N, C-alpha and C. Protein backbone atom coordinates (compact mmCIF):
# COMPACT_ATOMS: atom_id res chain seq x y z
N UNK A 1 -1.24 -17.48 -4.88
CA UNK A 1 -2.07 -16.29 -4.94
C UNK A 1 -3.10 -16.39 -3.80
N UNK A 2 -3.31 -15.31 -3.11
CA UNK A 2 -4.24 -15.33 -1.99
C UNK A 2 -5.69 -15.23 -2.47
N UNK A 3 -6.58 -15.62 -1.60
CA UNK A 3 -7.99 -15.57 -1.92
C UNK A 3 -8.43 -14.13 -2.24
N UNK A 4 -7.95 -13.16 -1.48
CA UNK A 4 -8.32 -11.77 -1.72
C UNK A 4 -7.92 -11.29 -3.09
N UNK A 5 -6.73 -11.66 -3.54
CA UNK A 5 -6.28 -11.24 -4.87
C UNK A 5 -7.07 -11.94 -5.96
N UNK A 6 -7.43 -13.19 -5.74
CA UNK A 6 -8.24 -13.91 -6.74
C UNK A 6 -9.62 -13.28 -6.85
N UNK A 7 -10.21 -12.96 -5.69
CA UNK A 7 -11.54 -12.36 -5.69
C UNK A 7 -11.50 -11.00 -6.37
N UNK A 8 -10.46 -10.22 -6.08
CA UNK A 8 -10.30 -8.91 -6.71
C UNK A 8 -10.21 -9.06 -8.23
N UNK A 9 -9.43 -10.02 -8.67
CA UNK A 9 -9.30 -10.29 -10.10
C UNK A 9 -10.61 -10.71 -10.73
N UNK A 10 -11.39 -11.53 -9.99
CA UNK A 10 -12.70 -11.94 -10.48
C UNK A 10 -13.62 -10.74 -10.67
N UNK A 11 -13.64 -9.83 -9.70
CA UNK A 11 -14.49 -8.64 -9.82
C UNK A 11 -14.03 -7.74 -10.96
N UNK A 12 -12.72 -7.59 -11.16
CA UNK A 12 -12.22 -6.79 -12.27
C UNK A 12 -12.63 -7.40 -13.61
N UNK A 13 -12.51 -8.71 -13.71
CA UNK A 13 -12.91 -9.40 -14.95
C UNK A 13 -14.40 -9.27 -15.17
N UNK A 14 -15.18 -9.42 -14.11
CA UNK A 14 -16.63 -9.28 -14.22
C UNK A 14 -16.99 -7.87 -14.70
N UNK A 15 -16.31 -6.86 -14.19
CA UNK A 15 -16.59 -5.49 -14.61
C UNK A 15 -16.26 -5.29 -16.09
N UNK A 16 -15.14 -5.84 -16.53
CA UNK A 16 -14.79 -5.72 -17.96
C UNK A 16 -15.85 -6.38 -18.83
N UNK A 17 -16.30 -7.55 -18.42
CA UNK A 17 -17.32 -8.26 -19.19
C UNK A 17 -18.65 -7.51 -19.16
N UNK A 18 -19.01 -6.96 -18.01
CA UNK A 18 -20.24 -6.17 -17.91
C UNK A 18 -20.19 -4.96 -18.83
N UNK A 19 -19.08 -4.25 -18.82
CA UNK A 19 -18.96 -3.05 -19.66
C UNK A 19 -19.06 -3.41 -21.14
N UNK A 20 -18.42 -4.51 -21.54
CA UNK A 20 -18.52 -4.96 -22.93
C UNK A 20 -19.96 -5.33 -23.28
N UNK A 21 -20.62 -6.07 -22.37
CA UNK A 21 -22.00 -6.48 -22.60
C UNK A 21 -22.92 -5.27 -22.74
N UNK A 22 -22.74 -4.29 -21.85
CA UNK A 22 -23.56 -3.08 -21.91
C UNK A 22 -23.30 -2.32 -23.21
N UNK A 23 -22.05 -2.16 -23.56
CA UNK A 23 -21.70 -1.43 -24.78
C UNK A 23 -22.29 -2.09 -26.01
N UNK A 24 -22.14 -3.41 -26.11
CA UNK A 24 -22.68 -4.12 -27.28
C UNK A 24 -24.21 -4.11 -27.27
N UNK A 25 -24.80 -4.29 -26.09
CA UNK A 25 -26.26 -4.29 -26.00
C UNK A 25 -26.88 -2.97 -26.38
N UNK A 26 -26.23 -1.88 -25.97
CA UNK A 26 -26.75 -0.56 -26.34
C UNK A 26 -26.49 -0.26 -27.82
N UNK A 27 -25.36 -0.72 -28.34
CA UNK A 27 -25.03 -0.46 -29.74
C UNK A 27 -26.01 -1.15 -30.69
N UNK A 28 -26.40 -2.38 -30.37
CA UNK A 28 -27.32 -3.07 -31.28
C UNK A 28 -28.77 -3.03 -30.78
N UNK A 29 -29.01 -2.19 -29.78
CA UNK A 29 -30.35 -1.93 -29.24
C UNK A 29 -31.06 -3.17 -28.71
N UNK A 30 -30.28 -4.13 -28.22
CA UNK A 30 -30.88 -5.32 -27.63
C UNK A 30 -30.97 -5.22 -26.11
N UNK A 31 -30.48 -4.10 -25.56
CA UNK A 31 -30.50 -3.89 -24.12
C UNK A 31 -31.16 -2.55 -23.83
N UNK A 32 -32.19 -2.59 -23.00
CA UNK A 32 -32.89 -1.35 -22.65
C UNK A 32 -31.99 -0.46 -21.80
N UNK A 33 -32.20 0.83 -21.88
CA UNK A 33 -31.35 1.76 -21.12
C UNK A 33 -31.53 1.55 -19.61
N UNK A 34 -32.72 1.16 -19.17
CA UNK A 34 -32.93 0.88 -17.75
C UNK A 34 -32.09 -0.30 -17.31
N UNK A 35 -32.04 -1.33 -18.14
CA UNK A 35 -31.23 -2.51 -17.83
C UNK A 35 -29.74 -2.15 -17.83
N UNK A 36 -29.34 -1.32 -18.78
CA UNK A 36 -27.95 -0.89 -18.84
C UNK A 36 -27.59 -0.10 -17.58
N UNK A 37 -28.50 0.74 -17.12
CA UNK A 37 -28.25 1.51 -15.90
C UNK A 37 -28.11 0.59 -14.69
N UNK A 38 -28.95 -0.42 -14.61
CA UNK A 38 -28.89 -1.38 -13.50
C UNK A 38 -27.56 -2.13 -13.52
N UNK A 39 -27.14 -2.57 -14.69
CA UNK A 39 -25.86 -3.28 -14.81
C UNK A 39 -24.68 -2.36 -14.51
N UNK A 40 -24.80 -1.10 -14.86
CA UNK A 40 -23.74 -0.14 -14.54
C UNK A 40 -23.62 0.04 -13.03
N UNK A 41 -24.75 -0.01 -12.34
CA UNK A 41 -24.72 0.09 -10.87
C UNK A 41 -24.02 -1.13 -10.27
N UNK A 42 -24.23 -2.29 -10.87
CA UNK A 42 -23.54 -3.50 -10.40
C UNK A 42 -22.03 -3.33 -10.56
N UNK A 43 -21.60 -2.78 -11.68
CA UNK A 43 -20.18 -2.54 -11.89
C UNK A 43 -19.63 -1.57 -10.85
N UNK A 44 -20.40 -0.55 -10.52
CA UNK A 44 -19.98 0.41 -9.50
C UNK A 44 -19.87 -0.26 -8.13
N UNK A 45 -20.83 -1.12 -7.81
CA UNK A 45 -20.76 -1.85 -6.54
C UNK A 45 -19.55 -2.77 -6.50
N UNK A 46 -19.21 -3.37 -7.64
CA UNK A 46 -18.01 -4.20 -7.70
C UNK A 46 -16.76 -3.37 -7.40
N UNK A 47 -16.70 -2.16 -7.93
CA UNK A 47 -15.55 -1.30 -7.67
C UNK A 47 -15.46 -0.95 -6.18
N UNK A 48 -16.61 -0.73 -5.57
CA UNK A 48 -16.62 -0.45 -4.13
C UNK A 48 -16.15 -1.67 -3.33
N UNK A 49 -16.55 -2.84 -3.79
CA UNK A 49 -16.12 -4.08 -3.12
C UNK A 49 -14.62 -4.30 -3.30
N UNK A 50 -14.10 -3.98 -4.48
CA UNK A 50 -12.66 -4.09 -4.71
C UNK A 50 -11.91 -3.17 -3.76
N UNK A 51 -12.40 -1.95 -3.60
CA UNK A 51 -11.75 -0.99 -2.69
C UNK A 51 -11.78 -1.52 -1.26
N UNK A 52 -12.90 -2.14 -0.87
CA UNK A 52 -12.99 -2.70 0.47
C UNK A 52 -12.00 -3.84 0.66
N UNK A 53 -11.90 -4.71 -0.35
CA UNK A 53 -10.93 -5.81 -0.27
C UNK A 53 -9.51 -5.27 -0.19
N UNK A 54 -9.21 -4.23 -0.98
CA UNK A 54 -7.87 -3.64 -0.92
C UNK A 54 -7.57 -3.08 0.46
N UNK A 55 -8.56 -2.41 1.06
CA UNK A 55 -8.37 -1.89 2.43
C UNK A 55 -8.15 -3.03 3.42
N UNK A 56 -8.96 -4.09 3.29
CA UNK A 56 -8.81 -5.23 4.20
C UNK A 56 -7.45 -5.90 4.03
N UNK A 57 -7.02 -6.06 2.79
CA UNK A 57 -5.73 -6.71 2.55
C UNK A 57 -4.58 -5.85 3.06
N UNK A 58 -4.70 -4.55 2.89
CA UNK A 58 -3.65 -3.65 3.37
C UNK A 58 -3.60 -3.65 4.90
N UNK A 59 -4.74 -3.91 5.53
CA UNK A 59 -4.81 -3.93 6.98
C UNK A 59 -4.51 -5.29 7.57
N UNK A 60 -3.99 -6.20 6.80
CA UNK A 60 -3.64 -7.52 7.30
C UNK A 60 -4.74 -8.54 7.15
N UNK A 61 -5.80 -8.18 6.44
CA UNK A 61 -6.88 -9.12 6.17
C UNK A 61 -7.90 -9.24 7.26
N UNK A 62 -7.77 -8.45 8.32
CA UNK A 62 -8.76 -8.52 9.40
C UNK A 62 -10.02 -7.78 8.98
N UNK A 63 -11.16 -8.22 9.50
CA UNK A 63 -12.43 -7.61 9.17
C UNK A 63 -12.62 -6.35 10.00
N UNK A 64 -13.37 -5.42 9.46
CA UNK A 64 -13.71 -4.21 10.21
C UNK A 64 -14.58 -4.58 11.39
N UNK A 65 -14.56 -3.75 12.43
CA UNK A 65 -15.30 -4.07 13.64
C UNK A 65 -16.81 -4.12 13.41
N UNK A 66 -17.32 -3.40 12.42
CA UNK A 66 -18.76 -3.37 12.17
C UNK A 66 -19.25 -4.46 11.27
N UNK A 67 -18.39 -5.33 10.76
CA UNK A 67 -18.79 -6.35 9.81
C UNK A 67 -18.95 -7.69 10.50
N UNK A 68 -19.94 -8.42 10.07
CA UNK A 68 -20.16 -9.77 10.59
C UNK A 68 -19.46 -10.77 9.69
N UNK A 69 -19.23 -11.95 10.25
CA UNK A 69 -18.60 -13.00 9.46
C UNK A 69 -19.58 -13.65 8.53
């Protein structure tokens, strides 16, 4: 398995765990709505990162010209 696929899987798993944590925290009122919103933004950023990894992998794994190493 390539590093890109492992990283993608890690982000997908992290998103599933975040969504469960947010859902349970809001259900039992142990998580403030502001905190839930912040964690939801992290999940959204993970999805954007997954899309970037997918684009990079589809392009042969090369970095975009505007990105630094």
